[in-house]
Structure formats: structure tokens, C-alpha cells
């Protein structure tokens, strides 16, 4: 997940993260998805598309995520989408 944890849209990013984290924790407690656990990794992008690009590249290449979730905002989602498609990463 790449979202604004700081900056002008911090509240939106934090609220989205809190809701997602609660959901994934509940899912984890129920055994995950077909027995596999889900880990929510979050990176701060300050609602800046260039930072989102770096976050998404890091999540895909270094963190080796299966899928992207919760990129918050139109310009940041657009930045993430092209990288996700290029890497065949579900989003």
C-alpha cells in the first residue's frame, strides 16, 4: 500500500490504512486466504506521484509483493498502475 501518511492528505491516508489494517488483521485471525497469511505493507508517498512510483517499484522488486492494494488518490493511482501492469502485478 502506498498512501499519504504525511502531508496535506495525511488524515485520508491514515484512515484508509487503519481500516485496511483492521480488515487484514481480522482475516489473519481467521486463517488468512486458503490458509495463507496476508501482510499489509505501507509506504508513505505524501500524495506525490513520483514518491508513489518509487514505493511501488520497491514493493514489487524488493518486497516481492503478490499484489498492490490501497493506493490512495487519482494521480498516485495513475503512477502506480503503469508500473503494476508492466510488472504483471495485480492491483
N, C-alpha and C. Protein backbone atom coordinates (compact mmCIF):
# COMPACT_ATOMS: atom_id res chain seq x y z
N UNK A 1 0.85 -1.18 0.00
CA UNK A 1 0.00 0.00 0.00
C UNK A 1 0.89 1.24 0.00
N UNK A 2 0.57 2.18 -0.86
CA UNK A 2 1.26 3.47 -0.88
C UNK A 2 0.20 4.53 -0.66
N UNK A 3 0.36 5.31 0.39
CA UNK A 3 -0.65 6.31 0.73
C UNK A 3 0.01 7.47 1.46
N UNK A 4 -0.71 8.57 1.54
CA UNK A 4 -0.22 9.75 2.25
C UNK A 4 -0.31 9.53 3.75
N UNK A 5 0.82 9.31 4.37
CA UNK A 5 0.87 9.21 5.84
C UNK A 5 1.33 10.52 6.43
N UNK A 6 1.88 11.36 5.59
CA UNK A 6 2.27 12.71 5.97
C UNK A 6 1.81 13.64 4.86
N UNK A 7 1.83 14.93 5.11
CA UNK A 7 1.42 15.90 4.09
C UNK A 7 -0.04 16.27 4.21
N UNK A 8 -0.54 16.96 3.18
CA UNK A 8 -1.87 17.56 3.24
C UNK A 8 -3.02 16.54 3.28
N UNK A 9 -2.81 15.34 2.79
CA UNK A 9 -3.87 14.32 2.82
C UNK A 9 -3.58 13.21 3.82
N UNK A 10 -2.80 13.54 4.84
CA UNK A 10 -2.41 12.56 5.86
C UNK A 10 -3.62 11.88 6.49
N UNK A 11 -4.64 12.65 6.84
CA UNK A 11 -5.81 12.06 7.51
C UNK A 11 -6.48 11.01 6.63
N UNK A 12 -6.66 11.30 5.35
CA UNK A 12 -7.27 10.34 4.44
C UNK A 12 -6.43 9.06 4.35
N UNK A 13 -5.13 9.23 4.17
CA UNK A 13 -4.24 8.07 4.07
C UNK A 13 -4.23 7.24 5.34
N UNK A 14 -4.18 7.90 6.48
CA UNK A 14 -4.16 7.18 7.76
C UNK A 14 -5.48 6.47 8.01
N UNK A 15 -6.60 7.12 7.69
CA UNK A 15 -7.91 6.49 7.88
C UNK A 15 -8.05 5.25 6.99
N UNK A 16 -7.60 5.37 5.75
CA UNK A 16 -7.67 4.24 4.83
C UNK A 16 -6.80 3.10 5.36
N UNK A 17 -5.59 3.44 5.81
CA UNK A 17 -4.68 2.43 6.35
C UNK A 17 -5.29 1.74 7.58
N UNK A 18 -5.85 2.51 8.49
CA UNK A 18 -6.43 1.92 9.70
C UNK A 18 -7.55 0.93 9.36
N UNK A 19 -8.41 1.31 8.43
CA UNK A 19 -9.49 0.42 8.02
C UNK A 19 -8.96 -0.84 7.36
N UNK A 20 -8.00 -0.69 6.47
CA UNK A 20 -7.42 -1.84 5.78
C UNK A 20 -6.69 -2.75 6.76
N UNK A 21 -5.93 -2.16 7.66
CA UNK A 21 -5.18 -2.95 8.64
C UNK A 21 -6.13 -3.74 9.53
N UNK A 22 -7.22 -3.14 9.95
CA UNK A 22 -8.21 -3.84 10.77
C UNK A 22 -8.78 -5.03 10.00
N UNK A 23 -9.12 -4.81 8.74
CA UNK A 23 -9.67 -5.89 7.92
C UNK A 23 -8.66 -7.04 7.78
N UNK A 24 -7.42 -6.71 7.43
CA UNK A 24 -6.41 -7.75 7.22
C UNK A 24 -6.04 -8.47 8.51
N UNK A 25 -6.05 -7.78 9.63
CA UNK A 25 -5.81 -8.43 10.92
C UNK A 25 -6.93 -9.44 11.20
N UNK A 26 -8.16 -9.05 10.93
CA UNK A 26 -9.29 -9.95 11.12
C UNK A 26 -9.17 -11.17 10.20
N UNK A 27 -8.79 -10.93 8.97
CA UNK A 27 -8.59 -12.02 8.01
C UNK A 27 -7.49 -12.96 8.49
N UNK A 28 -6.41 -12.40 9.00
CA UNK A 28 -5.29 -13.19 9.52
C UNK A 28 -5.75 -14.07 10.68
N UNK A 29 -6.53 -13.50 11.58
CA UNK A 29 -7.02 -14.24 12.75
C UNK A 29 -7.94 -15.39 12.35
N UNK A 30 -8.56 -15.28 11.17
CA UNK A 30 -9.46 -16.34 10.69
C UNK A 30 -8.73 -17.34 9.79
N UNK A 31 -7.41 -17.24 9.74
CA UNK A 31 -6.64 -18.23 8.97
C UNK A 31 -6.15 -17.76 7.62
N UNK A 32 -6.37 -16.50 7.29
CA UNK A 32 -5.88 -15.97 6.03
C UNK A 32 -6.75 -16.36 4.85
N UNK A 33 -6.14 -16.42 3.69
CA UNK A 33 -6.83 -16.78 2.46
C UNK A 33 -6.34 -18.15 2.03
N UNK A 34 -7.22 -19.14 2.12
CA UNK A 34 -6.85 -20.52 1.82
C UNK A 34 -5.61 -20.93 2.62
N UNK A 35 -5.59 -20.50 3.88
CA UNK A 35 -4.51 -20.87 4.78
C UNK A 35 -3.25 -20.01 4.67
N UNK A 36 -3.25 -19.07 3.77
CA UNK A 36 -2.07 -18.20 3.58
C UNK A 36 -2.32 -16.86 4.27
N UNK A 37 -1.32 -16.38 4.97
CA UNK A 37 -1.47 -15.10 5.66
C UNK A 37 -1.27 -13.93 4.69
N UNK A 38 -1.86 -12.83 5.03
CA UNK A 38 -1.76 -11.60 4.26
C UNK A 38 -1.07 -10.57 5.14
N UNK A 39 -0.04 -9.93 4.61
CA UNK A 39 0.66 -8.88 5.35
C UNK A 39 0.46 -7.57 4.61
N UNK A 40 0.03 -6.56 5.33
CA UNK A 40 -0.16 -5.24 4.73
C UNK A 40 1.12 -4.43 4.96
N UNK A 41 1.78 -4.10 3.88
CA UNK A 41 2.99 -3.27 3.94
C UNK A 41 2.60 -1.89 3.44
N UNK A 42 2.92 -0.86 4.20
CA UNK A 42 2.54 0.50 3.80
C UNK A 42 3.77 1.38 3.67
N UNK A 43 3.74 2.21 2.64
CA UNK A 43 4.80 3.18 2.36
C UNK A 43 4.16 4.56 2.24
N UNK A 44 4.82 5.57 2.80
CA UNK A 44 4.32 6.95 2.74
C UNK A 44 4.71 7.58 1.41
N UNK A 45 3.70 8.09 0.68
CA UNK A 45 4.01 8.77 -0.58
C UNK A 45 3.69 10.26 -0.54
N UNK A 46 3.23 10.76 0.59
CA UNK A 46 2.90 12.18 0.77
C UNK A 46 1.94 12.70 -0.31
N UNK A 47 1.25 11.79 -0.99
CA UNK A 47 0.36 12.12 -2.10
C UNK A 47 1.12 12.75 -3.26
N UNK A 48 2.33 12.25 -3.48
CA UNK A 48 3.21 12.71 -4.56
C UNK A 48 3.45 11.55 -5.52
N UNK A 49 2.99 11.66 -6.78
CA UNK A 49 3.12 10.56 -7.73
C UNK A 49 4.55 10.03 -7.90
N UNK A 50 5.54 10.89 -7.88
CA UNK A 50 6.93 10.43 -8.03
C UNK A 50 7.34 9.53 -6.87
N UNK A 51 6.90 9.87 -5.66
CA UNK A 51 7.20 9.03 -4.49
C UNK A 51 6.42 7.72 -4.60
N UNK A 52 5.18 7.80 -5.08
CA UNK A 52 4.38 6.60 -5.28
C UNK A 52 5.09 5.65 -6.23
N UNK A 53 5.64 6.17 -7.32
CA UNK A 53 6.36 5.34 -8.28
C UNK A 53 7.50 4.59 -7.59
N UNK A 54 8.27 5.29 -6.79
CA UNK A 54 9.39 4.65 -6.08
C UNK A 54 8.88 3.61 -5.08
N UNK A 55 7.82 3.94 -4.36
CA UNK A 55 7.24 3.00 -3.41
C UNK A 55 6.77 1.72 -4.10
N UNK A 56 6.07 1.88 -5.21
CA UNK A 56 5.54 0.73 -5.93
C UNK A 56 6.67 -0.12 -6.49
N UNK A 57 7.67 0.51 -7.05
CA UNK A 57 8.84 -0.24 -7.55
C UNK A 57 9.48 -1.02 -6.41
N UNK A 58 9.61 -0.38 -5.25
CA UNK A 58 10.20 -1.04 -4.08
C UNK A 58 9.33 -2.21 -3.62
N UNK A 59 8.04 -2.00 -3.55
CA UNK A 59 7.13 -3.06 -3.12
C UNK A 59 7.20 -4.27 -4.05
N UNK A 60 7.27 -4.01 -5.35
CA UNK A 60 7.29 -5.11 -6.32
C UNK A 60 8.67 -5.78 -6.39
N UNK A 61 9.70 -4.99 -6.51
CA UNK A 61 11.04 -5.54 -6.73
C UNK A 61 11.73 -6.03 -5.45
N UNK A 62 11.66 -5.24 -4.39
CA UNK A 62 12.38 -5.60 -3.15
C UNK A 62 11.52 -6.40 -2.18
N UNK A 63 10.28 -5.96 -2.00
CA UNK A 63 9.39 -6.63 -1.05
C UNK A 63 8.75 -7.87 -1.67
N UNK A 64 8.76 -7.94 -3.01
CA UNK A 64 8.22 -9.09 -3.75
C UNK A 64 6.74 -9.34 -3.41
N UNK A 65 5.95 -8.25 -3.38
CA UNK A 65 4.53 -8.40 -3.07
C UNK A 65 3.80 -9.16 -4.16
N UNK A 66 2.76 -9.85 -3.77
CA UNK A 66 1.90 -10.55 -4.73
C UNK A 66 0.99 -9.57 -5.45
N UNK A 67 0.47 -8.58 -4.72
CA UNK A 67 -0.48 -7.63 -5.29
C UNK A 67 -0.34 -6.29 -4.60
N UNK A 68 -0.79 -5.25 -5.29
CA UNK A 68 -0.85 -3.91 -4.71
C UNK A 68 -2.27 -3.65 -4.23
N UNK A 69 -2.38 -2.91 -3.15
CA UNK A 69 -3.68 -2.60 -2.57
C UNK A 69 -3.63 -1.21 -1.97
N UNK A 70 -4.69 -0.46 -2.13
CA UNK A 70 -4.85 0.76 -1.36
C UNK A 70 -4.00 1.94 -1.76
N UNK A 71 -3.66 2.06 -3.04
CA UNK A 71 -3.00 3.29 -3.47
C UNK A 71 -4.09 4.36 -3.46
N UNK A 72 -3.90 5.37 -2.64
CA UNK A 72 -4.96 6.35 -2.38
C UNK A 72 -4.77 7.60 -3.26
N UNK A 73 -5.75 7.89 -4.11
CA UNK A 73 -5.74 9.12 -4.89
C UNK A 73 -5.58 8.88 -6.38
N UNK A 74 -6.14 9.78 -7.19
CA UNK A 74 -6.09 9.63 -8.64
C UNK A 74 -4.69 9.76 -9.22
N UNK A 75 -3.94 10.84 -8.93
CA UNK A 75 -2.62 10.96 -9.55
C UNK A 75 -1.65 9.87 -9.08
N UNK A 76 -1.77 9.48 -7.85
CA UNK A 76 -0.88 8.43 -7.34
C UNK A 76 -1.27 7.07 -7.89
N UNK A 77 -2.57 6.82 -8.04
CA UNK A 77 -3.03 5.55 -8.63
C UNK A 77 -2.58 5.43 -10.08
N UNK A 78 -2.65 6.54 -10.82
CA UNK A 78 -2.19 6.52 -12.21
C UNK A 78 -0.70 6.20 -12.27
N UNK A 79 0.06 6.75 -11.35
CA UNK A 79 1.51 6.48 -11.31
C UNK A 79 1.78 5.02 -11.00
N UNK A 80 1.00 4.45 -10.11
CA UNK A 80 1.19 3.06 -9.69
C UNK A 80 0.74 2.07 -10.76
N UNK A 81 -0.33 2.40 -11.46
CA UNK A 81 -0.94 1.46 -12.40
C UNK A 81 0.02 1.04 -13.52
N UNK A 82 0.71 1.99 -14.12
CA UNK A 82 1.60 1.63 -15.22
C UNK A 82 2.72 0.70 -14.76
N UNK A 83 3.23 0.93 -13.58
CA UNK A 83 4.30 0.07 -13.04
C UNK A 83 3.74 -1.31 -12.71
N UNK A 84 2.55 -1.36 -12.14
CA UNK A 84 1.93 -2.65 -11.81
C UNK A 84 1.68 -3.46 -13.08
N UNK A 85 1.14 -2.81 -14.11
CA UNK A 85 0.87 -3.51 -15.37
C UNK A 85 2.17 -4.01 -16.01
N UNK A 86 3.17 -3.15 -16.01
CA UNK A 86 4.46 -3.51 -16.58
C UNK A 86 5.06 -4.75 -15.91
N UNK A 87 4.82 -4.88 -14.60
CA UNK A 87 5.36 -6.00 -13.82
C UNK A 87 4.37 -7.13 -13.62
N UNK A 88 3.20 -7.01 -14.26
CA UNK A 88 2.14 -8.03 -14.16
C UNK A 88 1.76 -8.31 -12.70
N UNK A 89 1.66 -7.23 -11.93
CA UNK A 89 1.29 -7.31 -10.52
C UNK A 89 -0.17 -6.89 -10.37
N UNK A 90 -1.01 -7.76 -9.83
CA UNK A 90 -2.42 -7.38 -9.63
C UNK A 90 -2.54 -6.13 -8.76
N UNK A 91 -3.51 -5.28 -9.13
CA UNK A 91 -3.75 -4.08 -8.33
C UNK A 91 -5.21 -3.73 -8.34
